[in-house]
């Protein structure tokens, strides 16, 4: 697993980290029961604060994608299969939007509106 962040981005680092894990889940790069790297190791390798990593892990925990336990760390839950199913549908949706010349902002707005309805 390769966690990625862009320090120049306006998106907060913890959100970038959580998105990176979600993307790996959607692509099938992580599986249920797999342990995420220790927060300290991630913080050191990315040169960010450990609390930033812990905040990302907490967000993923609230979503049900990981389970946090003392001594075990962050472990991917069975919910990862749901992300994988979405990961299969997303490329088709993006390709269709591109074919129709629908921009990312418009596509995101449509998804947000559908999700909220």
Protein backbone atom coordinates (compact mmCIF):
# COMPACT_ATOMS: atom_id res chain seq x y z
CA UNK A 1 0.00 0.00 0.00
CA UNK A 2 1.28 3.38 -1.01
CA UNK A 3 -0.25 6.31 0.82
CA UNK A 4 -0.03 9.52 -1.14
CA UNK A 5 -0.42 13.21 -0.32
CA UNK A 6 0.20 16.44 -2.20
CA UNK A 7 1.44 19.14 0.20
CA UNK A 8 0.62 21.82 -2.41
CA UNK A 9 -3.05 20.79 -2.59
CA UNK A 10 -5.77 22.81 -0.90
CA UNK A 11 -7.32 19.55 0.33
CA UNK A 12 -6.33 18.89 3.96
CA UNK A 13 -3.66 16.22 4.37
CA UNK A 14 -5.85 13.97 6.52
CA UNK A 15 -8.53 13.96 3.81
CA UNK A 16 -5.91 13.15 1.18
CA UNK A 17 -4.69 10.21 3.26
CA UNK A 18 -8.21 8.89 3.77
CA UNK A 19 -8.93 9.28 0.05
CA UNK A 20 -5.76 7.35 -0.76
CA UNK A 21 -6.92 4.41 1.38
CA UNK A 22 -10.42 4.59 -0.14
CA UNK A 23 -8.93 4.52 -3.63
CA UNK A 24 -6.85 1.46 -2.78
CA UNK A 25 -10.01 -0.16 -1.42
CA UNK A 26 -11.96 0.66 -4.57
CA UNK A 27 -9.16 -0.73 -6.75
CA UNK A 28 -8.94 -3.93 -4.74
CA UNK A 29 -5.40 -3.14 -3.60
CA UNK A 30 -6.28 -3.84 0.05
CA UNK A 31 -8.36 -6.62 1.51
CA UNK A 32 -10.30 -7.39 4.64
CA UNK A 33 -8.07 -8.14 7.62
CA UNK A 34 -5.09 -6.30 6.15
CA UNK A 35 -3.30 -3.93 8.48
CA UNK A 36 -2.60 -0.37 7.47
CA UNK A 37 0.85 0.99 8.25
CA UNK A 38 1.35 2.32 11.76
CA UNK A 39 0.48 5.99 12.06
CA UNK A 40 4.00 6.85 13.20
CA UNK A 41 5.51 5.09 10.18
CA UNK A 42 3.19 6.92 7.78
CA UNK A 43 3.91 10.25 9.45
CA UNK A 44 7.65 9.68 9.25
CA UNK A 45 7.63 8.52 5.63
CA UNK A 46 5.46 11.43 4.47
CA UNK A 47 7.05 13.98 6.81
CA UNK A 48 3.72 14.96 8.36
CA UNK A 49 2.38 15.09 11.90
CA UNK A 50 1.27 11.76 13.42
CA UNK A 51 -2.00 13.41 14.51
CA UNK A 52 -2.79 14.09 10.85
CA UNK A 53 -2.50 10.38 10.13
CA UNK A 54 -4.55 9.49 13.19
CA UNK A 55 -7.26 11.92 12.07
CA UNK A 56 -7.38 10.21 8.66
CA UNK A 57 -7.58 6.80 10.33
CA UNK A 58 -10.36 8.06 12.61
CA UNK A 59 -12.31 9.28 9.57
CA UNK A 60 -11.94 5.87 7.92
CA UNK A 61 -13.06 4.24 11.17
CA UNK A 62 -16.19 6.39 11.25
CA UNK A 63 -16.92 5.25 7.68
CA UNK A 64 -16.53 1.64 8.77
CA UNK A 65 -13.65 0.93 6.41
CA UNK A 66 -11.14 0.23 9.16
CA UNK A 67 -11.20 -0.88 12.76
CA UNK A 68 -8.81 0.72 15.24
CA UNK A 69 -7.62 -1.33 18.20
CA UNK A 70 -4.80 -0.85 20.62
CA UNK A 71 -2.04 -3.30 19.91
CA UNK A 72 -3.47 -4.28 16.52
CA UNK A 73 -3.47 -0.90 14.84
CA UNK A 74 -5.69 -0.08 11.88
CA UNK A 75 -7.23 -3.17 10.29
CA UNK A 76 -9.33 -3.14 7.11
CA UNK A 77 -12.90 -4.36 7.70
CA UNK A 78 -15.18 -6.49 5.53
CA UNK A 79 -16.73 -3.26 4.27
CA UNK A 80 -13.81 -3.05 1.82
CA UNK A 81 -15.81 -5.31 -0.52
CA UNK A 82 -18.41 -2.56 -0.92
CA UNK A 83 -15.71 -0.11 -1.95
CA UNK A 84 -14.49 -2.67 -4.48
CA UNK A 85 -17.96 -2.91 -5.99
CA UNK A 86 -18.11 0.88 -6.33
CA UNK A 87 -14.61 0.86 -7.74
CA UNK A 88 -15.83 -1.26 -10.62
CA UNK A 89 -18.66 1.18 -11.44
CA UNK A 90 -16.72 4.44 -11.18
CA UNK A 91 -14.47 4.07 -14.27
CA UNK A 92 -17.51 3.42 -16.46
CA UNK A 93 -19.26 6.49 -15.05
CA UNK A 94 -16.19 8.69 -15.56
CA UNK A 95 -15.68 7.41 -19.11
CA UNK A 96 -19.34 8.06 -19.94
CA UNK A 97 -19.10 11.60 -18.52
CA UNK A 98 -15.98 12.27 -20.60
CA UNK A 99 -17.69 10.95 -23.72
CA UNK A 100 -20.57 13.35 -23.08
CA UNK A 101 -18.11 16.19 -22.35
CA UNK A 102 -19.39 16.57 -18.79
CA UNK A 103 -16.73 18.17 -16.61
CA UNK A 104 -15.60 16.90 -13.22
CA UNK A 105 -17.34 19.72 -11.37
CA UNK A 106 -20.67 18.99 -13.05
CA UNK A 107 -20.31 15.24 -12.52
CA UNK A 108 -19.45 15.74 -8.86
CA UNK A 109 -22.45 18.06 -8.42
CA UNK A 110 -24.75 15.48 -10.02
CA UNK A 111 -23.44 12.71 -7.79
CA UNK A 112 -23.75 14.91 -4.69
CA UNK A 113 -27.33 15.85 -5.63
CA UNK A 114 -28.30 12.23 -6.24
CA UNK A 115 -26.63 11.13 -3.01
CA UNK A 116 -28.44 13.79 -1.00
CA UNK A 117 -31.87 13.07 -2.47
